[in-house]
Amino acid sequence: MIAPPAGTRIWIAAGVTDMRRGFGGLAALVQTQLEADPFSGQIFAFRGRRGDRIKLLWWDGDGLCLFCIRLEQGRFVWPQATSGSVSLTTAQLSMLLEGIDWRRPIRTAPVLAV
């Protein structure tokens, strides 16, 4: 994925979204359900019912970008809430896109005190 500029806010739209929606439909969801501006430069993530696909909507300054990501195995970890939004950091977004549980990442090696 193209890296967003530093300081870009990332939002997960809680609940499920009809994955047949495109630019216009997802931008309308951002305005009506999330009460945000889809042209603000923030990233908005939506997940389908099966949980194996997500779409990211992002205004890059020139136009809307729509990224669709599908996991071949497993499901994307999503908040339990059915409405509203959850803010993520860029590191959490990277984990989400890899299919990792971004809510409770676990270190594979113990932290050594220096």
N, C-alpha and C. Protein backbone atom coordinates (compact mmCIF):
# COMPACT_ATOMS: atom_id res chain seq x y z
N MET A 1 0.84 -1.18 0.00
CA MET A 1 0.00 0.00 0.00
C MET A 1 0.88 1.24 0.00
N ILE A 2 0.42 2.29 -0.60
CA ILE A 2 1.12 3.56 -0.60
C ILE A 2 1.06 4.11 0.81
N ALA A 3 2.18 4.52 1.35
CA ALA A 3 2.23 5.01 2.73
C ALA A 3 1.58 6.39 2.83
N PRO A 4 0.66 6.55 3.77
CA PRO A 4 0.03 7.87 3.95
C PRO A 4 1.02 8.82 4.62
N PRO A 5 0.81 10.12 4.48
CA PRO A 5 1.69 11.09 5.13
C PRO A 5 1.65 10.95 6.65
N ALA A 6 2.71 11.38 7.31
CA ALA A 6 2.76 11.33 8.78
C ALA A 6 1.61 12.15 9.35
N GLY A 7 1.01 11.63 10.40
CA GLY A 7 -0.07 12.34 11.06
C GLY A 7 -1.45 12.06 10.49
N THR A 8 -1.54 11.17 9.50
CA THR A 8 -2.83 10.84 8.91
C THR A 8 -3.65 10.04 9.92
N ARG A 9 -4.88 10.44 10.15
CA ARG A 9 -5.77 9.71 11.06
C ARG A 9 -6.38 8.53 10.31
N ILE A 10 -6.54 7.42 11.02
CA ILE A 10 -7.09 6.21 10.44
C ILE A 10 -8.29 5.79 11.27
N TRP A 11 -9.40 5.53 10.60
CA TRP A 11 -10.65 5.18 11.28
C TRP A 11 -11.19 3.86 10.74
N ILE A 12 -11.63 3.00 11.66
CA ILE A 12 -12.34 1.78 11.31
C ILE A 12 -13.82 2.05 11.49
N ALA A 13 -14.62 1.77 10.48
CA ALA A 13 -16.07 1.87 10.60
C ALA A 13 -16.56 0.58 11.24
N ALA A 14 -17.06 0.66 12.47
CA ALA A 14 -17.51 -0.54 13.19
C ALA A 14 -18.72 -1.14 12.47
N GLY A 15 -18.92 -2.42 12.68
CA GLY A 15 -20.02 -3.12 12.03
C GLY A 15 -19.60 -3.63 10.67
N VAL A 16 -20.57 -4.11 9.90
CA VAL A 16 -20.28 -4.65 8.57
C VAL A 16 -20.78 -3.69 7.50
N THR A 17 -20.14 -3.74 6.36
CA THR A 17 -20.46 -2.87 5.23
C THR A 17 -20.68 -3.73 4.00
N ASP A 18 -21.59 -3.31 3.16
CA ASP A 18 -21.84 -3.98 1.88
C ASP A 18 -20.61 -3.74 0.99
N MET A 19 -19.88 -4.79 0.68
CA MET A 19 -18.64 -4.66 -0.09
C MET A 19 -18.89 -4.37 -1.56
N ARG A 20 -20.14 -4.30 -1.98
CA ARG A 20 -20.43 -3.91 -3.37
C ARG A 20 -20.34 -2.40 -3.54
N ARG A 21 -20.26 -1.67 -2.43
CA ARG A 21 -20.16 -0.20 -2.50
C ARG A 21 -18.82 0.22 -3.07
N GLY A 22 -18.85 1.29 -3.82
CA GLY A 22 -17.64 1.84 -4.41
C GLY A 22 -17.31 3.19 -3.79
N PHE A 23 -16.65 4.04 -4.55
CA PHE A 23 -16.23 5.35 -4.07
C PHE A 23 -17.39 6.15 -3.48
N GLY A 24 -18.43 6.32 -4.28
CA GLY A 24 -19.56 7.16 -3.87
C GLY A 24 -20.30 6.61 -2.66
N GLY A 25 -20.55 5.30 -2.66
CA GLY A 25 -21.27 4.69 -1.55
C GLY A 25 -20.51 4.74 -0.24
N LEU A 26 -19.21 4.48 -0.30
CA LEU A 26 -18.40 4.52 0.92
C LEU A 26 -18.21 5.96 1.40
N ALA A 27 -18.05 6.90 0.48
CA ALA A 27 -17.94 8.32 0.87
C ALA A 27 -19.23 8.78 1.54
N ALA A 28 -20.38 8.31 1.05
CA ALA A 28 -21.66 8.64 1.67
C ALA A 28 -21.75 8.05 3.08
N LEU A 29 -21.24 6.83 3.28
CA LEU A 29 -21.22 6.24 4.62
C LEU A 29 -20.36 7.05 5.58
N VAL A 30 -19.23 7.52 5.09
CA VAL A 30 -18.35 8.34 5.93
C VAL A 30 -19.09 9.59 6.38
N GLN A 31 -19.81 10.22 5.47
CA GLN A 31 -20.53 11.45 5.81
C GLN A 31 -21.72 11.20 6.73
N THR A 32 -22.50 10.17 6.46
CA THR A 32 -23.74 9.97 7.21
C THR A 32 -23.53 9.20 8.52
N GLN A 33 -22.83 8.09 8.48
CA GLN A 33 -22.69 7.27 9.68
C GLN A 33 -21.54 7.70 10.57
N LEU A 34 -20.41 8.07 9.97
CA LEU A 34 -19.24 8.46 10.77
C LEU A 34 -19.19 9.96 11.02
N GLU A 35 -20.04 10.70 10.31
CA GLU A 35 -20.09 12.16 10.43
C GLU A 35 -18.71 12.79 10.27
N ALA A 36 -18.04 12.38 9.20
CA ALA A 36 -16.70 12.89 8.89
C ALA A 36 -16.68 13.30 7.42
N ASP A 37 -15.61 13.99 7.05
CA ASP A 37 -15.43 14.43 5.67
C ASP A 37 -14.55 13.43 4.93
N PRO A 38 -15.06 12.74 3.91
CA PRO A 38 -14.24 11.78 3.19
C PRO A 38 -13.09 12.42 2.42
N PHE A 39 -13.13 13.73 2.23
CA PHE A 39 -12.08 14.45 1.49
C PHE A 39 -11.11 15.16 2.44
N SER A 40 -11.00 14.68 3.68
CA SER A 40 -10.15 15.32 4.70
C SER A 40 -8.73 14.78 4.71
N GLY A 41 -8.45 13.72 3.96
CA GLY A 41 -7.12 13.12 3.97
C GLY A 41 -6.99 12.01 4.99
N GLN A 42 -8.05 11.71 5.73
CA GLN A 42 -8.05 10.61 6.68
C GLN A 42 -8.34 9.31 5.94
N ILE A 43 -7.96 8.18 6.54
CA ILE A 43 -8.22 6.87 5.95
C ILE A 43 -9.40 6.24 6.69
N PHE A 44 -10.33 5.69 5.93
CA PHE A 44 -11.51 5.04 6.51
C PHE A 44 -11.53 3.59 6.04
N ALA A 45 -11.62 2.65 7.00
CA ALA A 45 -11.60 1.22 6.71
C ALA A 45 -12.98 0.61 6.94
N PHE A 46 -13.39 -0.27 6.02
CA PHE A 46 -14.69 -0.94 6.07
C PHE A 46 -14.48 -2.43 5.88
N ARG A 47 -15.26 -3.24 6.60
CA ARG A 47 -15.13 -4.69 6.50
C ARG A 47 -16.45 -5.31 6.07
N GLY A 48 -16.37 -6.34 5.26
CA GLY A 48 -17.56 -7.06 4.82
C GLY A 48 -18.04 -8.06 5.86
N ARG A 49 -19.17 -8.67 5.59
CA ARG A 49 -19.80 -9.60 6.53
C ARG A 49 -18.93 -10.82 6.81
N ARG A 50 -18.31 -11.40 5.76
CA ARG A 50 -17.50 -12.60 5.96
C ARG A 50 -16.20 -12.32 6.72
N GLY A 51 -15.74 -11.09 6.68
CA GLY A 51 -14.54 -10.72 7.43
C GLY A 51 -13.23 -10.99 6.73
N ASP A 52 -13.28 -11.47 5.48
CA ASP A 52 -12.03 -11.74 4.78
C ASP A 52 -11.63 -10.62 3.83
N ARG A 53 -12.46 -9.58 3.72
CA ARG A 53 -12.16 -8.44 2.84
C ARG A 53 -12.37 -7.13 3.58
N ILE A 54 -11.49 -6.18 3.28
CA ILE A 54 -11.70 -4.82 3.76
C ILE A 54 -11.44 -3.86 2.61
N LYS A 55 -12.05 -2.69 2.72
CA LYS A 55 -11.81 -1.62 1.77
C LYS A 55 -11.34 -0.40 2.55
N LEU A 56 -10.34 0.28 2.00
CA LEU A 56 -9.82 1.51 2.58
C LEU A 56 -10.14 2.65 1.63
N LEU A 57 -10.72 3.71 2.15
CA LEU A 57 -11.03 4.90 1.36
C LEU A 57 -10.14 6.03 1.86
N TRP A 58 -9.44 6.69 0.92
CA TRP A 58 -8.47 7.72 1.31
C TRP A 58 -8.42 8.80 0.23
N TRP A 59 -8.51 10.04 0.64
CA TRP A 59 -8.33 11.19 -0.25
C TRP A 59 -6.86 11.57 -0.18
N ASP A 60 -6.13 11.46 -1.29
CA ASP A 60 -4.69 11.72 -1.28
C ASP A 60 -4.33 13.14 -1.71
N GLY A 61 -5.35 13.97 -1.90
CA GLY A 61 -5.10 15.35 -2.32
C GLY A 61 -5.44 15.57 -3.78
N ASP A 62 -5.37 14.51 -4.59
CA ASP A 62 -5.70 14.59 -6.01
C ASP A 62 -7.02 13.91 -6.33
N GLY A 63 -7.35 12.90 -5.56
CA GLY A 63 -8.58 12.15 -5.81
C GLY A 63 -8.77 11.09 -4.75
N LEU A 64 -9.92 10.44 -4.77
CA LEU A 64 -10.19 9.36 -3.84
C LEU A 64 -9.48 8.08 -4.28
N CYS A 65 -8.86 7.42 -3.32
CA CYS A 65 -8.23 6.12 -3.57
C CYS A 65 -9.04 5.07 -2.85
N LEU A 66 -9.29 3.96 -3.50
CA LEU A 66 -10.04 2.85 -2.91
C LEU A 66 -9.17 1.61 -3.01
N PHE A 67 -8.77 1.09 -1.85
CA PHE A 67 -7.96 -0.12 -1.79
C PHE A 67 -8.83 -1.24 -1.28
N CYS A 68 -8.77 -2.38 -1.93
CA CYS A 68 -9.50 -3.56 -1.50
C CYS A 68 -8.48 -4.64 -1.18
N ILE A 69 -8.59 -5.22 0.02
CA ILE A 69 -7.63 -6.23 0.46
C ILE A 69 -8.41 -7.47 0.86
N ARG A 70 -7.96 -8.65 0.41
CA ARG A 70 -8.61 -9.90 0.77
C ARG A 70 -7.59 -10.84 1.37
N LEU A 71 -7.94 -11.47 2.49
CA LEU A 71 -7.10 -12.50 3.09
C LEU A 71 -7.46 -13.85 2.47
N GLU A 72 -6.47 -14.61 2.09
CA GLU A 72 -6.72 -15.95 1.55
C GLU A 72 -7.13 -16.90 2.67
N GLN A 73 -6.58 -16.70 3.86
CA GLN A 73 -6.93 -17.53 5.02
C GLN A 73 -7.13 -16.61 6.21
N GLY A 74 -8.08 -16.95 7.05
CA GLY A 74 -8.33 -16.17 8.26
C GLY A 74 -9.28 -15.01 7.99
N ARG A 75 -9.42 -14.18 9.02
CA ARG A 75 -10.31 -13.02 8.96
C ARG A 75 -9.63 -11.80 9.57
N PHE A 76 -10.07 -10.63 9.13
CA PHE A 76 -9.57 -9.40 9.71
C PHE A 76 -10.19 -9.20 11.09
N VAL A 77 -9.38 -8.79 12.05
CA VAL A 77 -9.86 -8.54 13.41
C VAL A 77 -10.57 -7.19 13.40
N TRP A 78 -11.82 -7.18 13.89
CA TRP A 78 -12.66 -5.99 13.85
C TRP A 78 -13.25 -5.71 15.22
N PRO A 79 -13.55 -4.47 15.55
CA PRO A 79 -14.17 -4.17 16.85
C PRO A 79 -15.53 -4.84 16.99
N GLN A 80 -15.94 -5.14 18.22
CA GLN A 80 -17.23 -5.79 18.48
C GLN A 80 -18.40 -4.83 18.31
N ALA A 81 -18.16 -3.52 18.37
CA ALA A 81 -19.24 -2.54 18.26
C ALA A 81 -19.94 -2.67 16.91
N THR A 82 -21.22 -2.32 16.88
CA THR A 82 -21.98 -2.41 15.63
C THR A 82 -22.14 -1.07 14.93
N SER A 83 -21.76 0.01 15.59
CA SER A 83 -21.84 1.34 14.96
C SER A 83 -20.73 2.21 15.52
N GLY A 84 -20.48 3.34 14.84
CA GLY A 84 -19.43 4.25 15.27
C GLY A 84 -18.12 3.96 14.58
N SER A 85 -17.04 4.45 15.16
CA SER A 85 -15.72 4.25 14.56
C SER A 85 -14.67 4.10 15.65
N VAL A 86 -13.54 3.52 15.27
CA VAL A 86 -12.40 3.31 16.16
C VAL A 86 -11.18 3.89 15.47
N SER A 87 -10.37 4.63 16.22
CA SER A 87 -9.15 5.22 15.67
C SER A 87 -7.99 4.24 15.78
N LEU A 88 -7.15 4.19 14.74
CA LEU A 88 -5.97 3.33 14.73
C LEU A 88 -4.71 4.15 14.47
N THR A 89 -3.59 3.62 14.89
CA THR A 89 -2.30 4.19 14.51
C THR A 89 -1.86 3.53 13.20
N THR A 90 -0.83 4.06 12.58
CA THR A 90 -0.34 3.44 11.34
C THR A 90 0.22 2.05 11.62
N ALA A 91 0.83 1.84 12.79
CA ALA A 91 1.35 0.52 13.14
C ALA A 91 0.20 -0.48 13.28
N GLN A 92 -0.89 -0.06 13.92
CA GLN A 92 -2.05 -0.93 14.06
C GLN A 92 -2.67 -1.24 12.70
N LEU A 93 -2.71 -0.26 11.81
CA LEU A 93 -3.23 -0.50 10.46
C LEU A 93 -2.37 -1.53 9.74
N SER A 94 -1.07 -1.44 9.87
CA SER A 94 -0.17 -2.42 9.25
C SER A 94 -0.45 -3.83 9.76
N MET A 95 -0.66 -3.95 11.09
CA MET A 95 -0.98 -5.26 11.65
C MET A 95 -2.33 -5.75 11.15
N LEU A 96 -3.31 -4.86 11.09
CA LEU A 96 -4.64 -5.22 10.60
C LEU A 96 -4.55 -5.77 9.18
N LEU A 97 -3.82 -5.10 8.31
CA LEU A 97 -3.70 -5.51 6.92
C LEU A 97 -2.97 -6.84 6.76
N GLU A 98 -2.15 -7.21 7.74
CA GLU A 98 -1.44 -8.49 7.71
C GLU A 98 -2.26 -9.61 8.34
N GLY A 99 -3.43 -9.28 8.90
CA GLY A 99 -4.26 -10.29 9.54
C GLY A 99 -3.88 -10.55 10.98
N ILE A 100 -3.10 -9.65 11.58
CA ILE A 100 -2.66 -9.79 12.98
C ILE A 100 -3.67 -9.10 13.88
N ASP A 101 -3.87 -9.64 15.09
CA ASP A 101 -4.77 -9.02 16.06
C ASP A 101 -4.12 -7.73 16.56
N TRP A 102 -4.54 -6.60 16.03
CA TRP A 102 -3.94 -5.29 16.34
C TRP A 102 -4.34 -4.81 17.73
N ARG A 103 -5.34 -5.42 18.36
CA ARG A 103 -5.79 -4.96 19.68
C ARG A 103 -4.84 -5.37 20.78
N ARG A 104 -4.23 -6.57 20.64
CA ARG A 104 -3.31 -7.08 21.65
C ARG A 104 -2.11 -7.76 21.00
N PRO A 105 -1.24 -7.00 20.38
CA PRO A 105 -0.06 -7.64 19.77
C PRO A 105 0.84 -8.20 20.87
N ILE A 106 1.41 -9.34 20.61
CA ILE A 106 2.26 -10.02 21.60
C ILE A 106 3.68 -10.06 21.06
N ARG A 107 4.63 -9.69 21.92
CA ARG A 107 6.04 -9.77 21.53
C ARG A 107 6.46 -11.23 21.44
N THR A 108 7.31 -11.53 20.47
CA THR A 108 7.78 -12.90 20.32
C THR A 108 9.02 -13.17 21.16
N ALA A 109 9.70 -12.12 21.57
CA ALA A 109 10.90 -12.28 22.41
C ALA A 109 10.75 -11.34 23.61
N PRO A 110 11.26 -11.78 24.76
CA PRO A 110 11.16 -10.91 25.94
C PRO A 110 12.00 -9.64 25.77
N VAL A 111 11.54 -8.57 26.38
CA VAL A 111 12.27 -7.31 26.34
C VAL A 111 13.40 -7.37 27.35
N LEU A 112 14.61 -7.08 26.91
CA LEU A 112 15.78 -7.11 27.79
C LEU A 112 16.01 -5.72 28.37
N ALA A 113 16.24 -5.65 29.66
CA ALA A 113 16.52 -4.37 30.31
C ALA A 113 17.95 -3.96 29.99
N VAL A 114 18.13 -2.71 29.68
CA VAL A 114 19.46 -2.20 29.32
C VAL A 114 20.06 -1.45 30.48
